[in-house]
C-alpha cells in the first residue's frame, strides 16, 4: 500500500520545485512575444507611412521600406561605436529610474515620482560639481552621494506621508514632481546656481574633476560623437545591488512580503511604516542617481536646466513594466528602449520614416506587456494562471 501511493505523494513536491522556473520561462516567453507583436504591428505602420507607395499599391516597395527602416534601426543602435554609445547613453538613466519604479512595485508601491526625484538628485550633483574644487575621484564620489541622498530624501517624503497620514503615493509623487520642477526653476534663477551673464535658467558648469570618465575613452574621437560614460557601469552595479537586495537580503524579503500581502507582513511582525519609508527612500536614491549620472556624465553638457529629467521618469514606468520589475528584465528593457531611441534617429536619416514611429512601437510593446491576455489571444496561448506569482503593486485599496 505504501509503495503504491509513494509516487503520487512525490509528484506535488516535484511540481512545487519546478513551478518558479515554469513561471519565469512562461513570463519570458510572454514578454518576448509581446515585443515581437509590437514589431510586427510597427512594420505595418511603417509600410503605411510611405504614402506614395500606398497610393500606387506598390506592395514590394512597402516591404522594402519596412526592411530598410528596421535595418537602419538596428544599424543606428548597434552598427557602430557611435550607435553603441548612444544606446548606452540613453539606457543609463532608464536603468537607474527603472529600478526606482521596480523597487516600488516590489514593495507594493506605485512610484510615479522618478522625474521629481531625478531632478532633485541632478540639482544636488550639479551643485557639488561646481561649488567645490576637489581631486577627481573624491569630487565625483561626493557628487554622486549628494544625488543619492537628496533623491532619496525626496522619495522618503512620500514614504513618510504614506506611513504617517495614509496619503497615497500616486498622488504625492505626482505633486512632488511639480514641486521639484518649481524648486529647480527657482534655484537656477538664484546667484548661487545661475551661470553669470545668462538670464535663462541655466546652471554653472561642473568642474572637470566632477565628471564621470568616458566609457570609450580608448577611442580617439570627439566626446560629442562618443557620449557614453562610466555611469553605465554604475547602472549595471545598481542592477546587481537591486538583485542582491531583493533575493539575498532580509530587507528585500520584507519588501517583497509587504508588497505581496501587507496584512501577512504585519501579522509576521514587520513594520509597515518603516518598510514604506525605506522602500521609497531607496527608490528615490536610484532615481537621484539617474539625474546625477546625466549631469556628471556630460549628457546635459555639464550643467543643469529645467529639462534635466526629460521624459525619463515616465519612461521608467514602461521599463519596469516591460522588465516585470525584475533586476535583469529591467536592465534589458532599458537597453531595448535605449536602442530604439538611438536607432530611431538613424532610421529617420536613412529612410525618411519619422522618428515618432519609434514611440508608437514603444507604446505597442508596453500595451502588449500590460495586456498579457491580448498577447495570448493573438498567439493562441493557453492561460496557465497568473504570471510572475505576485502582483506589481497593491493598488488604491492598499
Protein backbone atom coordinates (compact mmCIF):
# COMPACT_ATOMS: atom_id res chain seq x y z
CA UNK A 1 0.00 0.00 0.00
CA UNK A 2 2.82 2.38 0.91
CA UNK A 3 4.73 1.59 -2.28
CA UNK A 4 1.61 2.22 -4.35
CA UNK A 5 0.99 5.74 -3.06
CA UNK A 6 4.63 6.88 -2.84
CA UNK A 7 4.87 8.08 -6.46
CA UNK A 8 1.66 10.07 -6.02
CA UNK A 9 2.97 11.87 -2.94
CA UNK A 10 6.19 12.77 -4.75
CA UNK A 11 4.51 14.44 -7.74
CA UNK A 12 3.25 17.54 -5.91
CA UNK A 13 6.74 18.14 -4.47
CA UNK A 14 8.27 17.99 -7.95
CA UNK A 15 5.62 20.39 -9.25
CA UNK A 16 6.27 22.87 -6.45
CA UNK A 17 10.00 22.61 -7.04
CA UNK A 18 9.71 23.32 -10.75
CA UNK A 19 6.95 25.94 -10.69
CA UNK A 20 9.21 29.02 -10.15
CA UNK A 21 11.17 28.12 -13.28
CA UNK A 22 7.97 27.42 -15.17
CA UNK A 23 6.67 30.85 -14.18
CA UNK A 24 9.91 32.53 -15.25
CA UNK A 25 10.03 30.79 -18.61
CA UNK A 26 6.36 31.48 -19.25
CA UNK A 27 6.80 35.13 -18.30
CA UNK A 28 9.87 35.48 -20.54
CA UNK A 29 8.04 33.86 -23.44
CA UNK A 30 5.04 36.13 -23.00
CA UNK A 31 7.23 39.26 -22.83
CA UNK A 32 9.21 38.18 -25.91
CA UNK A 33 6.01 37.58 -27.84
CA UNK A 34 4.70 40.99 -26.76
CA UNK A 35 7.83 42.66 -28.18
CA UNK A 36 7.59 40.60 -31.37
CA UNK A 37 3.91 41.50 -31.79
CA UNK A 38 4.72 45.19 -31.37
CA UNK A 39 7.48 44.96 -34.00
CA UNK A 40 5.13 43.20 -36.46
CA UNK A 41 2.41 45.82 -35.99
CA UNK A 42 5.07 48.50 -36.19
CA UNK A 43 6.10 47.10 -39.58
CA UNK A 44 2.54 47.57 -40.85
CA UNK A 45 2.54 51.17 -39.58
CA UNK A 46 5.92 51.86 -41.23
CA UNK A 47 4.63 50.40 -44.51
CA UNK A 48 1.50 52.57 -44.40
CA UNK A 49 3.58 55.67 -43.62
CA UNK A 50 5.04 55.58 -47.17
CA UNK A 51 2.08 57.39 -48.74
CA UNK A 52 3.38 57.35 -52.32
CA UNK A 53 3.81 53.58 -52.40
CA UNK A 54 0.44 53.07 -50.69
CA UNK A 55 -1.31 55.19 -53.34
CA UNK A 56 0.22 53.15 -56.16
CA UNK A 57 -0.37 49.82 -54.41
CA UNK A 58 3.36 49.06 -54.52
CA UNK A 59 3.48 46.16 -52.08
CA UNK A 60 7.08 45.36 -52.91
CA UNK A 61 8.11 48.95 -52.30
CA UNK A 62 6.28 48.99 -48.98
CA UNK A 63 8.07 45.84 -47.89
CA UNK A 64 11.37 47.41 -48.93
CA UNK A 65 10.58 50.45 -46.79
CA UNK A 66 9.92 48.20 -43.81
CA UNK A 67 13.15 46.26 -44.36
CA UNK A 68 15.26 49.39 -44.82
CA UNK A 69 13.69 51.01 -41.75
CA UNK A 70 14.36 48.08 -39.45
CA UNK A 71 17.88 47.62 -40.83
CA UNK A 72 18.56 51.32 -40.20
CA UNK A 73 17.06 50.97 -36.71
CA UNK A 74 19.46 48.13 -35.86
CA UNK A 75 22.37 49.90 -37.54
CA UNK A 76 21.76 53.11 -35.64
CA UNK A 77 21.67 51.25 -32.32
CA UNK A 78 24.44 48.67 -32.74
CA UNK A 79 26.14 49.19 -36.10
CA UNK A 80 28.97 51.46 -34.95
CA UNK A 81 30.79 52.74 -31.90
CA UNK A 82 28.61 55.83 -32.03
CA UNK A 83 25.49 53.66 -32.18
CA UNK A 84 26.55 51.64 -29.15
CA UNK A 85 27.45 54.87 -27.38
CA UNK A 86 24.04 56.43 -27.99
CA UNK A 87 22.24 53.24 -26.96
CA UNK A 88 24.20 53.07 -23.71
CA UNK A 89 23.79 56.80 -23.07
CA UNK A 90 20.02 56.56 -23.42
CA UNK A 91 19.81 53.33 -21.40
CA UNK A 92 21.84 54.53 -18.40
CA UNK A 93 19.28 56.85 -16.75
CA UNK A 94 16.49 54.45 -17.72
CA UNK A 95 18.21 51.66 -15.76
CA UNK A 96 18.51 53.79 -12.64
CA UNK A 97 14.98 55.17 -12.89
CA UNK A 98 13.56 51.79 -13.94
CA UNK A 99 14.97 50.26 -10.77
CA UNK A 100 13.41 53.12 -8.78
CA UNK A 101 9.98 52.22 -10.15
CA UNK A 102 10.53 48.44 -9.97
CA UNK A 103 11.62 48.61 -6.34
CA UNK A 104 8.42 50.45 -5.51
CA UNK A 105 6.40 47.79 -7.36
CA UNK A 106 8.12 45.04 -5.37
CA UNK A 107 7.14 46.78 -2.14
CA UNK A 108 3.55 47.27 -3.32
CA UNK A 109 4.01 50.97 -4.09
CA UNK A 110 3.47 52.87 -7.34
CA UNK A 111 6.32 55.37 -7.68
CA UNK A 112 5.36 57.92 -10.34
CA UNK A 113 7.78 60.44 -8.83
CA UNK A 114 11.00 59.33 -10.53
CA UNK A 115 11.00 62.58 -12.51
CA UNK A 116 10.99 64.74 -9.39
CA UNK A 117 13.50 62.52 -7.60
CA UNK A 118 15.75 62.63 -10.67
CA UNK A 119 15.54 66.44 -10.75
CA UNK A 120 16.36 66.65 -7.05
CA UNK A 121 19.35 64.34 -7.40
CA UNK A 122 20.60 66.13 -10.50
CA UNK A 123 20.42 69.55 -8.86
CA UNK A 124 22.36 68.25 -5.84
CA UNK A 125 25.00 66.71 -8.11
CA UNK A 126 25.46 69.86 -10.18
CA UNK A 127 25.80 72.00 -7.04
CA UNK A 128 28.55 69.78 -5.62
CA UNK A 129 30.08 69.67 -9.10
CA UNK A 130 30.61 73.43 -9.46
CA UNK A 131 30.73 74.51 -5.80
CA UNK A 132 33.80 72.54 -4.71
CA UNK A 133 37.24 72.04 -6.19
CA UNK A 134 38.48 68.60 -5.16
CA UNK A 135 40.57 65.73 -6.56
CA UNK A 136 38.67 63.87 -9.27
CA UNK A 137 37.83 60.57 -7.51
CA UNK A 138 36.68 62.35 -4.35
CA UNK A 139 34.75 65.01 -6.25
CA UNK A 140 32.82 62.52 -8.39
CA UNK A 141 32.05 60.35 -5.37
CA UNK A 142 30.73 63.27 -3.32
CA UNK A 143 28.56 64.48 -6.21
CA UNK A 144 27.06 61.00 -6.63
CA UNK A 145 26.47 60.73 -2.87
CA UNK A 146 24.68 64.08 -2.95
CA UNK A 147 22.44 62.79 -5.75
CA UNK A 148 21.69 59.64 -3.76
CA UNK A 149 20.91 61.46 -0.50
CA UNK A 150 18.77 64.26 -1.96
CA UNK A 151 16.94 61.96 -4.39
CA UNK A 152 16.39 59.51 -1.55
CA UNK A 153 15.09 62.28 0.72
CA UNK A 154 12.60 63.32 -1.96
CA UNK A 155 11.36 59.74 -2.16
CA UNK A 156 11.43 59.39 1.60
CA UNK A 157 8.99 62.30 1.95
CA UNK A 158 6.45 60.25 0.01
CA UNK A 159 7.03 57.22 2.21
CA UNK A 160 6.74 59.33 5.37
CA UNK A 161 3.47 60.88 4.23
CA UNK A 162 2.01 57.47 3.42
CA UNK A 163 3.21 55.88 6.64
CA UNK A 164 2.06 58.71 8.92
CA UNK A 165 -1.05 60.04 7.20
CA UNK A 166 -2.06 57.35 4.70
CA UNK A 167 -1.60 59.75 1.75
CA UNK A 168 -1.48 57.67 -1.42
CA UNK A 169 1.90 57.59 -3.11
CA UNK A 170 0.44 58.09 -6.59
CA UNK A 171 -0.95 61.50 -5.61
CA UNK A 172 2.04 62.63 -3.55
CA UNK A 173 4.64 61.55 -6.12
CA UNK A 174 2.80 63.36 -8.92
CA UNK A 175 2.51 66.51 -6.81
CA UNK A 176 6.17 66.35 -5.77
CA UNK A 177 7.15 66.20 -9.43
CA UNK A 178 5.70 69.69 -9.76
CA UNK A 179 7.38 70.76 -6.52
CA UNK A 180 10.75 69.53 -7.81
CA UNK A 181 10.27 71.31 -11.14
CA UNK A 182 9.36 74.58 -9.42
CA UNK A 183 12.21 74.25 -6.94
CA UNK A 184 14.71 73.56 -9.73
CA UNK A 185 13.48 76.60 -11.69
CA UNK A 186 13.82 78.80 -8.60
CA UNK A 187 17.31 77.52 -7.80
CA UNK A 188 18.50 78.05 -11.37
CA UNK A 189 17.46 81.70 -11.06
CA UNK A 190 19.49 82.27 -7.89
CA UNK A 191 23.02 83.70 -7.94
CA UNK A 192 24.33 80.51 -6.36
CA UNK A 193 23.30 78.36 -9.32
CA UNK A 194 22.75 80.60 -12.35
CA UNK A 195 25.57 80.99 -14.82
CA UNK A 196 26.90 84.57 -14.84
CA UNK A 197 25.77 86.61 -17.82
CA UNK A 198 22.74 84.43 -18.52
CA UNK A 199 19.12 85.40 -17.94
CA UNK A 200 17.65 81.97 -18.61
CA UNK A 201 17.64 79.17 -16.00
CA UNK A 202 20.99 77.50 -16.73
CA UNK A 203 23.41 76.43 -14.02
CA UNK A 204 27.14 76.90 -13.88
CA UNK A 205 29.22 74.15 -15.47
CA UNK A 206 30.62 71.47 -13.19
CA UNK A 207 34.38 71.23 -12.80
CA UNK A 208 36.31 68.69 -14.84
CA UNK A 209 37.18 66.84 -11.63
CA UNK A 210 33.48 66.07 -11.09
CA UNK A 211 32.92 64.47 -14.49
CA UNK A 212 32.42 60.74 -14.94
CA UNK A 213 35.12 59.29 -17.23
CA UNK A 214 34.22 58.31 -20.77
CA UNK A 215 33.33 54.65 -21.22
CA UNK A 216 35.06 54.51 -24.59
CA UNK A 217 38.00 56.71 -23.68
CA UNK A 218 40.34 54.45 -25.63
CA UNK A 219 38.76 55.71 -28.86
CA UNK A 220 40.35 58.83 -30.28
CA UNK A 221 37.05 60.55 -31.06
CA UNK A 222 35.18 63.68 -30.07
CA UNK A 223 33.08 63.50 -26.90
CA UNK A 224 30.22 64.94 -28.95
CA UNK A 225 30.27 61.78 -31.05
CA UNK A 226 31.01 59.23 -28.31
CA UNK A 227 29.00 60.31 -25.25
CA UNK A 228 28.80 57.05 -23.27
CA UNK A 229 30.27 57.39 -19.79
CA UNK A 230 31.08 55.12 -16.86
CA UNK A 231 27.71 55.89 -15.33
CA UNK A 232 26.58 52.88 -17.38
CA UNK A 233 28.84 50.66 -15.27
CA UNK A 234 27.31 52.21 -12.15
CA UNK A 235 23.86 51.45 -13.57
CA UNK A 236 24.85 47.79 -14.06
CA UNK A 237 26.18 47.77 -10.49
CA UNK A 238 22.82 49.18 -9.35
CA UNK A 239 21.07 46.30 -11.14
CA UNK A 240 23.27 43.80 -9.27
CA UNK A 241 22.58 45.63 -6.00
CA UNK A 242 18.84 45.53 -6.69
CA UNK A 243 19.08 41.79 -7.38
CA UNK A 244 21.02 41.17 -4.16
CA UNK A 245 18.63 43.34 -2.16
CA UNK A 246 15.54 41.51 -3.40
CA UNK A 247 16.92 37.96 -3.49
CA UNK A 248 19.56 37.74 -0.77
CA UNK A 249 18.80 40.29 1.96
CA UNK A 250 16.33 40.23 4.82
CA UNK A 251 15.14 43.75 3.95
CA UNK A 252 14.40 42.68 0.38
CA UNK A 253 12.41 39.71 1.65
CA UNK A 254 10.38 42.06 3.84
CA UNK A 255 9.80 44.40 0.88
CA UNK A 256 8.53 41.51 -1.25
CA UNK A 257 6.36 40.14 1.53
CA UNK A 258 4.87 43.55 2.29
CA UNK A 259 4.26 44.13 -1.42
CA UNK A 260 2.53 40.78 -1.87
CA UNK A 261 0.37 40.90 1.26
CA UNK A 262 0.55 43.78 3.72
CA UNK A 263 -1.67 42.02 6.26
CA UNK A 264 0.52 38.92 6.28
CA UNK A 265 3.64 41.08 6.68
CA UNK A 266 2.06 42.92 9.59
CA UNK A 267 1.00 39.64 11.20
CA UNK A 268 4.58 38.36 10.86
CA UNK A 269 5.83 41.30 12.90
CA UNK A 270 7.09 43.52 10.09
CA UNK A 271 6.79 47.27 10.46
CA UNK A 272 4.72 48.64 7.52
CA UNK A 273 5.69 52.26 8.19
CA UNK A 274 9.41 51.51 8.24
CA UNK A 275 9.16 49.41 5.09
CA UNK A 276 7.17 52.09 3.25
CA UNK A 277 9.64 54.84 4.14
CA UNK A 278 12.64 52.61 3.42
CA UNK A 279 11.35 51.47 0.04
CA UNK A 280 10.54 54.99 -1.12
CA UNK A 281 13.87 56.34 0.13
CA UNK A 282 15.78 53.67 -1.80
CA UNK A 283 13.63 54.22 -4.88
CA UNK A 284 14.34 57.95 -4.70
CA UNK A 285 18.06 57.26 -4.28
CA UNK A 286 18.16 55.22 -7.50
CA UNK A 287 16.20 57.93 -9.34
CA UNK A 288 18.54 60.56 -7.92
CA UNK A 289 21.46 58.64 -9.42
CA UNK A 290 19.72 58.86 -12.78
CA UNK A 291 19.81 62.66 -12.54
CA UNK A 292 23.35 62.69 -11.20
CA UNK A 293 24.64 60.47 -13.98
CA UNK A 294 23.11 62.76 -16.63
CA UNK A 295 24.91 65.77 -15.16
CA UNK A 296 28.24 64.19 -14.25
CA UNK A 297 28.39 62.17 -17.47
CA UNK A 298 28.19 65.32 -19.56
CA UNK A 299 24.99 64.22 -21.32
CA UNK A 300 23.43 67.61 -20.48
CA UNK A 301 26.64 69.48 -21.41
CA UNK A 302 27.88 69.55 -17.80
CA UNK A 303 25.17 71.88 -16.49
CA UNK A 304 21.58 71.69 -15.30
CA UNK A 305 18.43 73.10 -16.87
CA UNK A 306 14.76 72.63 -16.07
CA UNK A 307 14.64 69.94 -18.77
CA UNK A 308 17.21 67.80 -16.99
CA UNK A 309 14.88 64.85 -16.35
CA UNK A 310 13.07 64.94 -19.69
CA UNK A 311 10.68 62.00 -20.07
CA UNK A 312 12.98 59.53 -18.32
CA UNK A 313 10.88 59.34 -15.16
CA UNK A 314 7.73 58.33 -17.02
CA UNK A 315 9.57 56.10 -19.50
CA UNK A 316 10.95 54.29 -16.44
CA UNK A 317 7.41 53.10 -15.61
CA UNK A 318 7.24 51.41 -19.01
CA UNK A 319 10.73 49.97 -18.50
CA UNK A 320 9.77 48.46 -15.13
CA UNK A 321 6.55 47.04 -16.56
CA UNK A 322 8.34 45.53 -19.56
CA UNK A 323 11.01 44.08 -17.27
CA UNK A 324 8.28 42.78 -14.92
CA UNK A 325 10.09 44.54 -12.06
CA UNK A 326 12.93 42.01 -12.12
CA UNK A 327 16.54 43.29 -12.00
CA UNK A 328 17.72 41.72 -15.26
CA UNK A 329 14.40 42.26 -17.01
CA UNK A 330 14.50 45.97 -16.12
CA UNK A 331 18.08 46.25 -17.39
CA UNK A 332 17.17 44.52 -20.66
CA UNK A 333 14.11 46.74 -21.11
CA UNK A 334 16.24 49.85 -20.54
CA UNK A 335 18.70 48.67 -23.20
CA UNK A 336 15.82 47.96 -25.61
CA UNK A 337 14.38 51.44 -25.11
CA UNK A 338 17.85 52.93 -25.45
CA UNK A 339 18.39 51.05 -28.70
CA UNK A 340 15.04 52.21 -30.07
CA UNK A 341 15.91 55.82 -29.24
CA UNK A 342 19.39 55.63 -30.78
CA UNK A 343 18.23 53.68 -33.82
CA UNK A 344 15.20 55.90 -34.44
CA UNK A 345 17.37 58.87 -35.37
CA UNK A 346 19.34 56.76 -37.85
CA UNK A 347 16.11 55.36 -39.30
CA UNK A 348 14.80 58.84 -40.00
CA UNK A 349 18.06 59.92 -41.65
CA UNK A 350 18.40 56.82 -43.85
CA UNK A 351 14.79 56.19 -44.85
CA UNK A 352 12.83 59.35 -44.05
CA UNK A 353 10.49 57.41 -41.76
CA UNK A 354 9.51 59.76 -38.91
CA UNK A 355 11.28 59.06 -35.63
CA UNK A 356 7.89 59.39 -33.90
CA UNK A 357 7.05 55.90 -35.19
CA UNK A 358 9.61 54.54 -32.71
CA UNK A 359 7.44 56.00 -29.94
CA UNK A 360 4.49 54.12 -31.44
CA UNK A 361 6.47 50.86 -31.35
CA UNK A 362 7.44 51.50 -27.73
CA UNK A 363 3.81 52.19 -26.86
CA UNK A 364 2.73 48.95 -28.55
CA UNK A 365 5.34 47.00 -26.60
CA UNK A 366 4.04 48.37 -23.31
CA UNK A 367 0.44 47.74 -24.42
CA UNK A 368 1.02 44.05 -25.13
CA UNK A 369 3.09 43.57 -21.98
CA UNK A 370 0.43 45.26 -19.84
CA UNK A 371 -2.33 43.22 -21.52
CA UNK A 372 -0.99 39.63 -21.48
CA UNK A 373 -4.45 38.22 -22.26
CA UNK A 374 -4.35 40.05 -25.60
CA UNK A 375 -0.94 38.56 -26.40
CA UNK A 376 -2.23 35.09 -25.52
CA UNK A 377 -5.20 35.52 -27.83
CA UNK A 378 -3.04 36.67 -30.74
CA UNK A 379 -0.58 33.78 -30.35
CA UNK A 380 -3.23 31.27 -29.18
CA UNK A 381 -1.51 30.50 -25.91
CA UNK A 382 -3.20 28.70 -23.07
CA UNK A 383 -3.74 30.68 -19.88
CA UNK A 384 -1.66 28.91 -17.22
CA UNK A 385 -2.59 31.29 -14.44
CA UNK A 386 -1.06 34.47 -13.13
CA UNK A 387 2.38 35.23 -14.50
CA UNK A 388 5.17 36.03 -12.13
CA UNK A 389 3.46 34.94 -8.94
CA UNK A 390 2.87 38.27 -7.16
CA UNK A 391 1.13 41.47 -8.20
CA UNK A 392 3.12 44.51 -9.28
CA UNK A 393 1.53 46.67 -6.61
CA UNK A 394 -1.49 46.51 -4.34
CA UNK A 395 -3.36 49.44 -5.89
CA UNK A 396 -5.67 52.02 -4.38
CA UNK A 397 -7.00 49.76 -1.69
CA UNK A 398 -3.62 49.18 -0.04
